[in-house]
Amino acid sequence: QAPGKQRELVARIISDGTTTYADSVKGRFTISRDNAKNTVY
C-alpha cells in the first residue's frame, strides 16, 4: 500500500507451490515459501 492508494496484491503462493504475480512485478519479484522455517519470502 502506497500513500494515498489502495492496498494491492503483489504476489501469492498456494500450498501446491503455484504462484501469482501482479503484472507490475512479473519478472522482477519472486515469492517462495519454506515450510520447514514457517517463512514466506
PDB file of all heavy atoms in Angstrom:
ATOM      1  N   GLN A   1       0.847  -1.190   0.000  1.00  0.00           N
ATOM      2  CA  GLN A   1       0.000   0.000   0.000  1.00  0.00           C
ATOM      3  C   GLN A   1       0.876   1.231   0.000  1.00  0.00           C
ATOM      4  O   GLN A   1       1.647   1.461   0.934  1.00  0.00           O
ATOM      5  CB  GLN A   1      -0.927   0.010   1.209  1.00  0.00           C
ATOM      6  CG  GLN A   1      -1.953   1.118   1.182  1.00  0.00           C
ATOM      7  CD  GLN A   1      -3.050   0.922   2.206  1.00  0.00           C
ATOM      8  OE1 GLN A   1      -2.921   0.163   3.160  1.00  0.00           O
ATOM      9  NE2 GLN A   1      -4.178   1.599   2.000  1.00  0.00           N
ATOM     10  N   ALA A   2       0.750   1.989  -1.074  1.00  0.00           N
ATOM     11  CA  ALA A   2       1.475   3.246  -1.198  1.00  0.00           C
ATOM     12  C   ALA A   2       0.596   4.370  -0.653  1.00  0.00           C
ATOM     13  O   ALA A   2      -0.634   4.232  -0.597  1.00  0.00           O
ATOM     14  CB  ALA A   2       1.829   3.496  -2.657  1.00  0.00           C
ATOM     15  N   PRO A   3       1.203   5.480  -0.257  1.00  0.00           N
ATOM     16  CA  PRO A   3       0.413   6.594   0.286  1.00  0.00           C
ATOM     17  C   PRO A   3      -0.673   7.050  -0.686  1.00  0.00           C
ATOM     18  O   PRO A   3      -0.418   7.250  -1.876  1.00  0.00           O
ATOM     19  CB  PRO A   3       1.459   7.694   0.479  1.00  0.00           C
ATOM     20  CG  PRO A   3       2.741   6.964   0.675  1.00  0.00           C
ATOM     21  CD  PRO A   3       2.649   5.756  -0.210  1.00  0.00           C
ATOM     22  N   GLY A   4      -1.887   7.156  -0.178  1.00  0.00           N
ATOM     23  CA  GLY A   4      -2.995   7.615  -0.995  1.00  0.00           C
ATOM     24  C   GLY A   4      -3.576   6.585  -1.945  1.00  0.00           C
ATOM     25  O   GLY A   4      -4.464   6.905  -2.737  1.00  0.00           O
ATOM     26  N   LYS A   5      -3.068   5.357  -1.865  1.00  0.00           N
ATOM     27  CA  LYS A   5      -3.547   4.311  -2.769  1.00  0.00           C
ATOM     28  C   LYS A   5      -4.122   3.139  -1.985  1.00  0.00           C
ATOM     29  O   LYS A   5      -3.862   2.975  -0.798  1.00  0.00           O
ATOM     30  CB  LYS A   5      -2.420   3.829  -3.678  1.00  0.00           C
ATOM     31  CG  LYS A   5      -1.905   4.890  -4.633  1.00  0.00           C
ATOM     32  CD  LYS A   5      -0.911   4.302  -5.612  1.00  0.00           C
ATOM     33  CE  LYS A   5      -0.455   5.335  -6.631  1.00  0.00           C
ATOM     34  NZ  LYS A   5       0.512   4.762  -7.609  1.00  0.00           N
ATOM     35  N   GLN A   6      -4.894   2.325  -2.682  1.00  0.00           N
ATOM     36  CA  GLN A   6      -5.457   1.138  -2.046  1.00  0.00           C
ATOM     37  C   GLN A   6      -4.405   0.038  -1.941  1.00  0.00           C
ATOM     38  O   GLN A   6      -3.441  -0.002  -2.716  1.00  0.00           O
ATOM     39  CB  GLN A   6      -6.656   0.630  -2.865  1.00  0.00           C
ATOM     40  CG  GLN A   6      -7.874   1.519  -2.797  1.00  0.00           C
ATOM     41  CD  GLN A   6      -9.083   0.892  -3.465  1.00  0.00           C
ATOM     42  OE1 GLN A   6      -8.950   0.097  -4.397  1.00  0.00           O
ATOM     43  NE2 GLN A   6     -10.273   1.221  -2.994  1.00  0.00           N
ATOM     44  N   ARG A   7      -4.616  -0.842  -0.981  1.00  0.00           N
ATOM     45  CA  ARG A   7      -3.732  -1.991  -0.849  1.00  0.00           C
ATOM     46  C   ARG A   7      -3.932  -2.896  -2.053  1.00  0.00           C
ATOM     47  O   ARG A   7      -5.070  -3.156  -2.474  1.00  0.00           O
ATOM     48  CB  ARG A   7      -4.043  -2.755   0.448  1.00  0.00           C
ATOM     49  CG  ARG A   7      -3.025  -3.791   0.816  1.00  0.00           C
ATOM     50  CD  ARG A   7      -3.294  -4.363   2.199  1.00  0.00           C
ATOM     51  NE  ARG A   7      -3.186  -3.356   3.250  1.00  0.00           N
ATOM     52  CZ  ARG A   7      -3.207  -3.641   4.542  1.00  0.00           C
ATOM     53  NH1 ARG A   7      -3.343  -4.906   4.951  1.00  0.00           N
ATOM     54  NH2 ARG A   7      -3.105  -2.686   5.437  1.00  0.00           N
ATOM     55  N   GLU A   8      -2.827  -3.387  -2.618  1.00  0.00           N
ATOM     56  CA  GLU A   8      -2.907  -4.207  -3.813  1.00  0.00           C
ATOM     57  C   GLU A   8      -2.081  -5.480  -3.653  1.00  0.00           C
ATOM     58  O   GLU A   8      -1.070  -5.500  -2.948  1.00  0.00           O
ATOM     59  CB  GLU A   8      -2.397  -3.429  -5.038  1.00  0.00           C
ATOM     60  CG  GLU A   8      -0.947  -3.019  -4.964  1.00  0.00           C
ATOM     61  CD  GLU A   8      -0.460  -2.331  -6.235  1.00  0.00           C
ATOM     62  OE1 GLU A   8      -1.243  -2.140  -7.177  1.00  0.00           O
ATOM     63  OE2 GLU A   8       0.749  -2.000  -6.280  1.00  0.00           O
ATOM     64  N   LEU A   9      -2.527  -6.513  -4.347  1.00  0.00           N
ATOM     65  CA  LEU A   9      -1.796  -7.774  -4.343  1.00  0.00           C
ATOM     66  C   LEU A   9      -0.489  -7.622  -5.109  1.00  0.00           C
ATOM     67  O   LEU A   9      -0.475  -7.081  -6.225  1.00  0.00           O
ATOM     68  CB  LEU A   9      -2.647  -8.869  -4.983  1.00  0.00           C
ATOM     69  CG  LEU A   9      -1.937 -10.214  -5.186  1.00  0.00           C
ATOM     70  CD1 LEU A   9      -1.652 -10.884  -3.857  1.00  0.00           C
ATOM     71  CD2 LEU A   9      -2.780 -11.123  -6.086  1.00  0.00           C
ATOM     72  N   VAL A  10       0.586  -8.125  -4.522  1.00  0.00           N
ATOM     73  CA  VAL A  10       1.874  -8.163  -5.205  1.00  0.00           C
ATOM     74  C   VAL A  10       2.146  -9.578  -5.709  1.00  0.00           C
ATOM     75  O   VAL A  10       2.461  -9.789  -6.878  1.00  0.00           O
ATOM     76  CB  VAL A  10       3.008  -7.723  -4.256  1.00  0.00           C
ATOM     77  CG1 VAL A  10       4.357  -7.853  -4.942  1.00  0.00           C
ATOM     78  CG2 VAL A  10       2.781  -6.292  -3.782  1.00  0.00           C
ATOM     79  N   ALA A  11       2.021 -10.551  -4.810  1.00  0.00           N
ATOM     80  CA  ALA A  11       2.290 -11.944  -5.170  1.00  0.00           C
ATOM     81  C   ALA A  11       1.592 -12.857  -4.183  1.00  0.00           C
ATOM     82  O   ALA A  11       1.390 -12.503  -3.029  1.00  0.00           O
ATOM     83  CB  ALA A  11       3.792 -12.225  -5.175  1.00  0.00           C
ATOM     84  N   ARG A  12       1.247 -14.044  -4.667  1.00  0.00           N
ATOM     85  CA  ARG A  12       0.563 -15.029  -3.830  1.00  0.00           C
ATOM     86  C   ARG A  12       1.132 -16.403  -4.139  1.00  0.00           C
ATOM     87  O   ARG A  12       1.499 -16.690  -5.283  1.00  0.00           O
ATOM     88  CB  ARG A  12      -0.943 -15.022  -4.112  1.00  0.00           C
ATOM     89  CG  ARG A  12      -1.735 -16.048  -3.329  1.00  0.00           C
ATOM     90  CD  ARG A  12      -3.169 -16.123  -3.798  1.00  0.00           C
ATOM     91  NE  ARG A  12      -3.881 -14.878  -3.539  1.00  0.00           N
ATOM     92  CZ  ARG A  12      -4.465 -14.144  -4.487  1.00  0.00           C
ATOM     93  NH1 ARG A  12      -4.411 -14.531  -5.751  1.00  0.00           N
ATOM     94  NH2 ARG A  12      -5.100 -13.044  -4.168  1.00  0.00           N
ATOM     95  N   ILE A  13       1.200 -17.247  -3.112  1.00  0.00           N
ATOM     96  CA  ILE A  13       1.643 -18.629  -3.312  1.00  0.00           C
ATOM     97  C   ILE A  13       0.686 -19.544  -2.554  1.00  0.00           C
ATOM     98  O   ILE A  13       0.324 -19.275  -1.410  1.00  0.00           O
ATOM     99  CB  ILE A  13       3.110 -18.825  -2.848  1.00  0.00           C
ATOM    100  CG1 ILE A  13       3.602 -20.239  -3.177  1.00  0.00           C
ATOM    101  CG2 ILE A  13       3.296 -18.509  -1.372  1.00  0.00           C
ATOM    102  CD1 ILE A  13       5.119 -20.390  -3.046  1.00  0.00           C
ATOM    103  N   ILE A  14       0.242 -20.591  -3.233  1.00  0.00           N
ATOM    104  CA  ILE A  14      -0.668 -21.518  -2.575  1.00  0.00           C
ATOM    105  C   ILE A  14       0.083 -22.785  -2.182  1.00  0.00           C
ATOM    106  O   ILE A  14       1.268 -22.943  -2.523  1.00  0.00           O
ATOM    107  CB  ILE A  14      -1.901 -21.827  -3.439  1.00  0.00           C
ATOM    108  CG1 ILE A  14      -1.512 -22.494  -4.757  1.00  0.00           C
ATOM    109  CG2 ILE A  14      -2.689 -20.560  -3.684  1.00  0.00           C
ATOM    110  CD1 ILE A  14      -2.731 -22.900  -5.582  1.00  0.00           C
ATOM    111  N   SER A  15      -0.601 -23.661  -1.480  1.00  0.00           N
ATOM    112  CA  SER A  15       0.082 -24.781  -0.837  1.00  0.00           C
ATOM    113  C   SER A  15       0.765 -25.734  -1.813  1.00  0.00           C
ATOM    114  O   SER A  15       1.737 -26.397  -1.439  1.00  0.00           O
ATOM    115  CB  SER A  15      -0.905 -25.557   0.040  1.00  0.00           C
ATOM    116  OG  SER A  15      -2.023 -25.976  -0.720  1.00  0.00           O
ATOM    117  N   ASP A  16       0.292 -25.779  -3.065  1.00  0.00           N
ATOM    118  CA  ASP A  16       0.944 -26.678  -4.031  1.00  0.00           C
ATOM    119  C   ASP A  16       2.116 -25.995  -4.739  1.00  0.00           C
ATOM    120  O   ASP A  16       2.718 -26.579  -5.640  1.00  0.00           O
ATOM    121  CB  ASP A  16      -0.067 -27.207  -5.052  1.00  0.00           C
ATOM    122  CG  ASP A  16      -0.606 -26.121  -5.977  1.00  0.00           C
ATOM    123  OD1 ASP A  16      -0.246 -24.942  -5.807  1.00  0.00           O
ATOM    124  OD2 ASP A  16      -1.398 -26.462  -6.871  1.00  0.00           O
ATOM    125  N   GLY A  17       2.403 -24.751  -4.338  1.00  0.00           N
ATOM    126  CA  GLY A  17       3.528 -24.036  -4.919  1.00  0.00           C
ATOM    127  C   GLY A  17       3.173 -23.119  -6.074  1.00  0.00           C
ATOM    128  O   GLY A  17       4.036 -22.376  -6.564  1.00  0.00           O
ATOM    129  N   THR A  18       1.940 -23.135  -6.498  1.00  0.00           N
ATOM    130  CA  THR A  18       1.510 -22.253  -7.585  1.00  0.00           C
ATOM    131  C   THR A  18       1.610 -20.798  -7.147  1.00  0.00           C
ATOM    132  O   THR A  18       1.204 -20.444  -6.047  1.00  0.00           O
ATOM    133  CB  THR A  18       0.062 -22.569  -7.989  1.00  0.00           C
ATOM    134  OG1 THR A  18      -0.020 -23.939  -8.395  1.00  0.00           O
ATOM    135  CG2 THR A  18      -0.381 -21.672  -9.137  1.00  0.00           C
ATOM    136  N   THR A  19       2.160 -19.965  -8.031  1.00  0.00           N
ATOM    137  CA  THR A  19       2.352 -18.548  -7.717  1.00  0.00           C
ATOM    138  C   THR A  19       1.572 -17.653  -8.676  1.00  0.00           C
ATOM    139  O   THR A  19       1.308 -18.013  -9.831  1.00  0.00           O
ATOM    140  CB  THR A  19       3.833 -18.180  -7.778  1.00  0.00           C
ATOM    141  OG1 THR A  19       4.349 -18.504  -9.076  1.00  0.00           O
ATOM    142  CG2 THR A  19       4.631 -18.936  -6.728  1.00  0.00           C
ATOM    143  N   THR A  20       1.230 -16.482  -8.161  1.00  0.00           N
ATOM    144  CA  THR A  20       0.547 -15.453  -8.942  1.00  0.00           C
ATOM    145  C   THR A  20       1.227 -14.130  -8.660  1.00  0.00           C
ATOM    146  O   THR A  20       1.595 -13.860  -7.511  1.00  0.00           O
ATOM    147  CB  THR A  20      -0.940 -15.353  -8.534  1.00  0.00           C
ATOM    148  OG1 THR A  20      -1.569 -16.623  -8.699  1.00  0.00           O
ATOM    149  CG2 THR A  20      -1.660 -14.321  -9.394  1.00  0.00           C
ATOM    150  N   TYR A  21       1.398 -13.309  -9.703  1.00  0.00           N
ATOM    151  CA  TYR A  21       2.061 -12.020  -9.548  1.00  0.00           C
ATOM    152  C   TYR A  21       1.237 -10.908 -10.192  1.00  0.00           C
ATOM    153  O   TYR A  21       0.562 -11.113 -11.199  1.00  0.00           O
ATOM    154  CB  TYR A  21       3.439 -12.037 -10.213  1.00  0.00           C
ATOM    155  CG  TYR A  21       4.415 -12.984  -9.578  1.00  0.00           C
ATOM    156  CD1 TYR A  21       4.571 -14.277 -10.070  1.00  0.00           C
ATOM    157  CD2 TYR A  21       5.189 -12.599  -8.471  1.00  0.00           C
ATOM    158  CE1 TYR A  21       5.462 -15.162  -9.484  1.00  0.00           C
ATOM    159  CE2 TYR A  21       6.085 -13.478  -7.888  1.00  0.00           C
ATOM    160  CZ  TYR A  21       6.213 -14.750  -8.397  1.00  0.00           C
ATOM    161  OH  TYR A  21       7.093 -15.623  -7.812  1.00  0.00           O
ATOM    162  N   ALA A  22       1.353  -9.734  -9.609  1.00  0.00           N
ATOM    163  CA  ALA A  22       0.815  -8.553 -10.265  1.00  0.00           C
ATOM    164  C   ALA A  22       1.626  -8.294 -11.528  1.00  0.00           C
ATOM    165  O   ALA A  22       2.837  -8.542 -11.565  1.00  0.00           O
ATOM    166  CB  ALA A  22       0.902  -7.352  -9.330  1.00  0.00           C
ATOM    167  N   ASP A  23       0.977  -7.788 -12.544  1.00  0.00           N
ATOM    168  CA  ASP A  23       1.671  -7.520 -13.804  1.00  0.00           C
ATOM    169  C   ASP A  23       2.865  -6.588 -13.599  1.00  0.00           C
ATOM    170  O   ASP A  23       3.892  -6.722 -14.266  1.00  0.00           O
ATOM    171  CB  ASP A  23       0.707  -6.902 -14.818  1.00  0.00           C
ATOM    172  CG  ASP A  23      -0.289  -7.915 -15.360  1.00  0.00           C
ATOM    173  OD1 ASP A  23      -0.045  -9.132 -15.215  1.00  0.00           O
ATOM    174  OD2 ASP A  23      -1.316  -7.488 -15.920  1.00  0.00           O
ATOM    175  N   SER A  24       2.740  -5.655 -12.681  1.00  0.00           N
ATOM    176  CA  SER A  24       3.782  -4.642 -12.477  1.00  0.00           C
ATOM    177  C   SER A  24       5.071  -5.222 -11.895  1.00  0.00           C
ATOM    178  O   SER A  24       6.109  -4.558 -11.949  1.00  0.00           O
ATOM    179  CB  SER A  24       3.255  -3.534 -11.566  1.00  0.00           C
ATOM    180  OG  SER A  24       2.864  -4.063 -10.308  1.00  0.00           O
ATOM    181  N   VAL A  25       5.019  -6.434 -11.338  1.00  0.00           N
ATOM    182  CA  VAL A  25       6.221  -7.001 -10.713  1.00  0.00           C
ATOM    183  C   VAL A  25       6.695  -8.285 -11.390  1.00  0.00           C
ATOM    184  O   VAL A  25       7.733  -8.837 -11.012  1.00  0.00           O
ATOM    185  CB  VAL A  25       6.001  -7.261  -9.203  1.00  0.00           C
ATOM    186  CG1 VAL A  25       5.500  -5.993  -8.507  1.00  0.00           C
ATOM    187  CG2 VAL A  25       5.050  -8.423  -8.969  1.00  0.00           C
ATOM    188  N   LYS A  26       5.951  -8.759 -12.375  1.00  0.00           N
ATOM    189  CA  LYS A  26       6.340 -10.005 -13.051  1.00  0.00           C
ATOM    190  C   LYS A  26       7.738  -9.882 -13.639  1.00  0.00           C
ATOM    191  O   LYS A  26       8.076  -8.875 -14.264  1.00  0.00           O
ATOM    192  CB  LYS A  26       5.338 -10.334 -14.162  1.00  0.00           C
ATOM    193  CG  LYS A  26       4.047 -10.929 -13.665  1.00  0.00           C
ATOM    194  CD  LYS A  26       3.108 -11.260 -14.828  1.00  0.00           C
ATOM    195  CE  LYS A  26       1.799 -11.840 -14.324  1.00  0.00           C
ATOM    196  NZ  LYS A  26       0.847 -12.100 -15.424  1.00  0.00           N
ATOM    197  N   GLY A  27       8.540 -10.917 -13.409  1.00  0.00           N
ATOM    198  CA  GLY A  27       9.899 -10.914 -13.919  1.00  0.00           C
ATOM    199  C   GLY A  27      10.894 -10.229 -13.008  1.00  0.00           C
ATOM    200  O   GLY A  27      12.110 -10.326 -13.221  1.00  0.00           O
ATOM    201  N   ARG A  28      10.400  -9.518 -11.998  1.00  0.00           N
ATOM    202  CA  ARG A  28      11.306  -8.812 -11.071  1.00  0.00           C
ATOM    203  C   ARG A  28      11.210  -9.367  -9.647  1.00  0.00           C
ATOM    204  O   ARG A  28      12.203  -9.391  -8.920  1.00  0.00           O
ATOM    205  CB  ARG A  28      10.962  -7.327 -11.034  1.00  0.00           C
ATOM    206  CG  ARG A  28      11.100  -6.622 -12.371  1.00  0.00           C
ATOM    207  CD  ARG A  28      10.951  -5.106 -12.228  1.00  0.00           C
ATOM    208  NE  ARG A  28       9.637  -4.714 -11.734  1.00  0.00           N
ATOM    209  CZ  ARG A  28       9.445  -3.994 -10.623  1.00  0.00           C
ATOM    210  NH1 ARG A  28      10.471  -3.584  -9.906  1.00  0.00           N
ATOM    211  NH2 ARG A  28       8.207  -3.663 -10.235  1.00  0.00           N
ATOM    212  N   PHE A  29      10.021  -9.793  -9.240  1.00  0.00           N
ATOM    213  CA  PHE A  29       9.798 -10.290  -7.885  1.00  0.00           C
ATOM    214  C   PHE A  29       9.564 -11.790  -7.919  1.00  0.00           C
ATOM    215  O   PHE A  29       8.970 -12.323  -8.866  1.00  0.00           O
ATOM    216  CB  PHE A  29       8.570  -9.624  -7.257  1.00  0.00           C
ATOM    217  CG  PHE A  29       8.723  -8.161  -6.933  1.00  0.00           C
ATOM    218  CD1 PHE A  29       9.808  -7.409  -7.381  1.00  0.00           C
ATOM    219  CD2 PHE A  29       7.759  -7.519  -6.172  1.00  0.00           C
ATOM    220  CE1 PHE A  29       9.926  -6.064  -7.086  1.00  0.00           C
ATOM    221  CE2 PHE A  29       7.861  -6.175  -5.854  1.00  0.00           C
ATOM    222  CZ  PHE A  29       8.948  -5.447  -6.325  1.00  0.00           C
ATOM    223  N   THR A  30       9.973 -12.458  -6.845  1.00  0.00           N
ATOM    224  CA  THR A  30       9.747 -13.894  -6.713  1.00  0.00           C
ATOM    225  C   THR A  30       9.268 -14.200  -5.297  1.00  0.00           C
ATOM    226  O   THR A  30       9.941 -13.821  -4.326  1.00  0.00           O
ATOM    227  CB  THR A  30      11.021 -14.693  -6.990  1.00  0.00           C
ATOM    228  OG1 THR A  30      11.504 -14.387  -8.306  1.00  0.00           O
ATOM    229  CG2 THR A  30      10.745 -16.186  -6.909  1.00  0.00           C
ATOM    230  N   ILE A  31       8.144 -14.884  -5.199  1.00  0.00           N
ATOM    231  CA  ILE A  31       7.632 -15.313  -3.903  1.00  0.00           C
ATOM    232  C   ILE A  31       7.978 -16.784  -3.699  1.00  0.00           C
ATOM    233  O   ILE A  31       7.956 -17.580  -4.645  1.00  0.00           O
ATOM    234  CB  ILE A  31       6.105 -15.094  -3.790  1.00  0.00           C
ATOM    235  CG1 ILE A  31       5.614 -15.370  -2.367  1.00  0.00           C
ATOM    236  CG2 ILE A  31       5.331 -15.931  -4.809  1.00  0.00           C
ATOM    237  CD1 ILE A  31       4.165 -14.957  -2.122  1.00  0.00           C
ATOM    238  N   SER A  32       8.330 -17.127  -2.484  1.00  0.00           N
ATOM    239  CA  SER A  32       8.645 -18.519  -2.157  1.00  0.00           C
ATOM    240  C   SER A  32       8.266 -18.793  -0.712  1.00  0.00           C
ATOM    241  O   SER A  32       8.075 -17.867   0.072  1.00  0.00           O
ATOM    242  CB  SER A  32      10.126 -18.809  -2.387  1.00  0.00           C
ATOM    243  OG  SER A  32      10.938 -18.004  -1.556  1.00  0.00           O
ATOM    244  N   ARG A  33       8.145 -20.070  -0.371  1.00  0.00           N
ATOM    245  CA  ARG A  33       7.810 -20.430   0.998  1.00  0.00           C
ATOM    246  C   ARG A  33       8.708 -21.570   1.450  1.00  0.00           C
ATOM    247  O   ARG A  33       8.997 -22.482   0.666  1.00  0.00           O
ATOM    248  CB  ARG A  33       6.328 -20.793   1.142  1.00  0.00           C
ATOM    249  CG  ARG A  33       5.844 -21.943   0.296  1.00  0.00           C
ATOM    250  CD  ARG A  33       4.318 -22.005   0.247  1.00  0.00           C
ATOM    251  NE  ARG A  33       3.720 -22.440   1.507  1.00  0.00           N
ATOM    252  CZ  ARG A  33       2.413 -22.417   1.747  1.00  0.00           C
ATOM    253  NH1 ARG A  33       1.572 -21.977   0.819  1.00  0.00           N
ATOM    254  NH2 ARG A  33       1.928 -22.837   2.905  1.00  0.00           N
ATOM    255  N   ASP A  34       9.146 -21.476   2.687  1.00  0.00           N
ATOM    256  CA  ASP A  34       9.961 -22.516   3.304  1.00  0.00           C
ATOM    257  C   ASP A  34       9.137 -23.087   4.454  1.00  0.00           C
ATOM    258  O   ASP A  34       9.090 -22.501   5.533  1.00  0.00           O
ATOM    259  CB  ASP A  34      11.285 -21.928   3.792  1.00  0.00           C
ATOM    260  CG  ASP A  34      12.244 -22.985   4.319  1.00  0.00           C
ATOM    261  OD1 ASP A  34      11.781 -24.051   4.787  1.00  0.00           O
ATOM    262  OD2 ASP A  34      13.457 -22.747   4.285  1.00  0.00           O
ATOM    263  N   ASN A  35       8.507 -24.222   4.215  1.00  0.00           N
ATOM    264  CA  ASN A  35       7.626 -24.792   5.228  1.00  0.00           C
ATOM    265  C   ASN A  35       8.402 -25.196   6.490  1.00  0.00           C
ATOM    266  O   ASN A  35       7.873 -25.113   7.600  1.00  0.00           O
ATOM    267  CB  ASN A  35       6.877 -25.998   4.669  1.00  0.00           C
ATOM    268  CG  ASN A  35       5.867 -25.609   3.616  1.00  0.00           C
ATOM    269  OD1 ASN A  35       5.382 -24.476   3.589  1.00  0.00           O
ATOM    270  ND2 ASN A  35       5.545 -26.531   2.725  1.00  0.00           N
ATOM    271  N   ALA A  36       9.638 -25.601   6.325  1.00  0.00           N
ATOM    272  CA  ALA A  36      10.430 -26.021   7.484  1.00  0.00           C
ATOM    273  C   ALA A  36      10.712 -24.849   8.420  1.00  0.00           C
ATOM    274  O   ALA A  36      10.835 -25.025   9.634  1.00  0.00           O
ATOM    275  CB  ALA A  36      11.734 -26.644   7.021  1.00  0.00           C
ATOM    276  N   LYS A  37      10.806 -23.646   7.847  1.00  0.00           N
ATOM    277  CA  LYS A  37      11.081 -22.452   8.648  1.00  0.00           C
ATOM    278  C   LYS A  37       9.832 -21.624   8.899  1.00  0.00           C
ATOM    279  O   LYS A  37       9.916 -20.547   9.516  1.00  0.00           O
ATOM    280  CB  LYS A  37      12.134 -21.584   7.955  1.00  0.00           C
ATOM    281  CG  LYS A  37      13.500 -22.245   7.840  1.00  0.00           C
ATOM    282  CD  LYS A  37      14.517 -21.302   7.213  1.00  0.00           C
ATOM    283  CE  LYS A  37      15.898 -21.954   7.164  1.00  0.00           C
ATOM    284  NZ  LYS A  37      16.919 -21.055   6.564  1.00  0.00           N
ATOM    285  N   ASN A  38       8.681 -22.102   8.413  1.00  0.00           N
ATOM    286  CA  ASN A  38       7.418 -21.368   8.580  1.00  0.00           C
ATOM    287  C   ASN A  38       7.554 -19.920   8.092  1.00  0.00           C
ATOM    288  O   ASN A  38       7.088 -18.982   8.747  1.00  0.00           O
ATOM    289  CB  ASN A  38       6.962 -21.388  10.036  1.00  0.00           C
ATOM    290  CG  ASN A  38       6.720 -22.790  10.523  1.00  0.00           C
ATOM    291  OD1 ASN A  38       6.235 -23.642   9.778  1.00  0.00           O
ATOM    292  ND2 ASN A  38       7.073 -23.057  11.768  1.00  0.00           N
ATOM    293  N   THR A  39       8.189 -19.761   6.953  1.00  0.00           N
ATOM    294  CA  THR A  39       8.502 -18.419   6.452  1.00  0.00           C
ATOM    295  C   THR A  39       8.185 -18.324   4.966  1.00  0.00           C
ATOM    296  O   THR A  39       8.432 -19.262   4.204  1.00  0.00           O
ATOM    297  CB  THR A  39       9.981 -18.090   6.694  1.00  0.00           C
ATOM    298  OG1 THR A  39      10.259 -18.161   8.096  1.00  0.00           O
ATOM    299  CG2 THR A  39      10.319 -16.692   6.199  1.00  0.00           C
ATOM    300  N   VAL A  40       7.650 -17.178   4.592  1.00  0.00           N
ATOM    301  CA  VAL A  40       7.430 -16.840   3.188  1.00  0.00           C
ATOM    302  C   VAL A  40       8.330 -15.666   2.835  1.00  0.00           C
ATOM    303  O   VAL A  40       8.483 -14.744   3.642  1.00  0.00           O
ATOM    304  CB  VAL A  40       5.950 -16.484   2.937  1.00  0.00           C
ATOM    305  CG1 VAL A  40       5.747 -16.007   1.512  1.00  0.00           C
ATOM    306  CG2 VAL A  40       5.072 -17.692   3.204  1.00  0.00           C
ATOM    307  N   TYR A  41       8.900 -15.712   1.653  1.00  0.00           N
ATOM    308  CA  TYR A  41       9.849 -14.682   1.225  1.00  0.00           C
ATOM    309  C   TYR A  41       9.326 -13.959  -0.014  1.00  0.00           C
ATOM    310  O   TYR A  41       8.552 -14.507  -0.800  1.00  0.00           O
ATOM    311  CB  TYR A  41      11.203 -15.310   0.884  1.00  0.00           C
ATOM    312  CG  TYR A  41      11.825 -16.084   2.019  1.00  0.00           C
ATOM    313  CD1 TYR A  41      11.707 -17.467   2.083  1.00  0.00           C
ATOM    314  CD2 TYR A  41      12.545 -15.429   3.014  1.00  0.00           C
ATOM    315  CE1 TYR A  41      12.280 -18.189   3.117  1.00  0.00           C
ATOM    316  CE2 TYR A  41      13.129 -16.139   4.048  1.00  0.00           C
ATOM    317  CZ  TYR A  41      12.993 -17.511   4.103  1.00  0.00           C
ATOM    318  OH  TYR A  41      13.558 -18.215   5.126  1.00  0.00           O
TER     319      TYR A  41
END
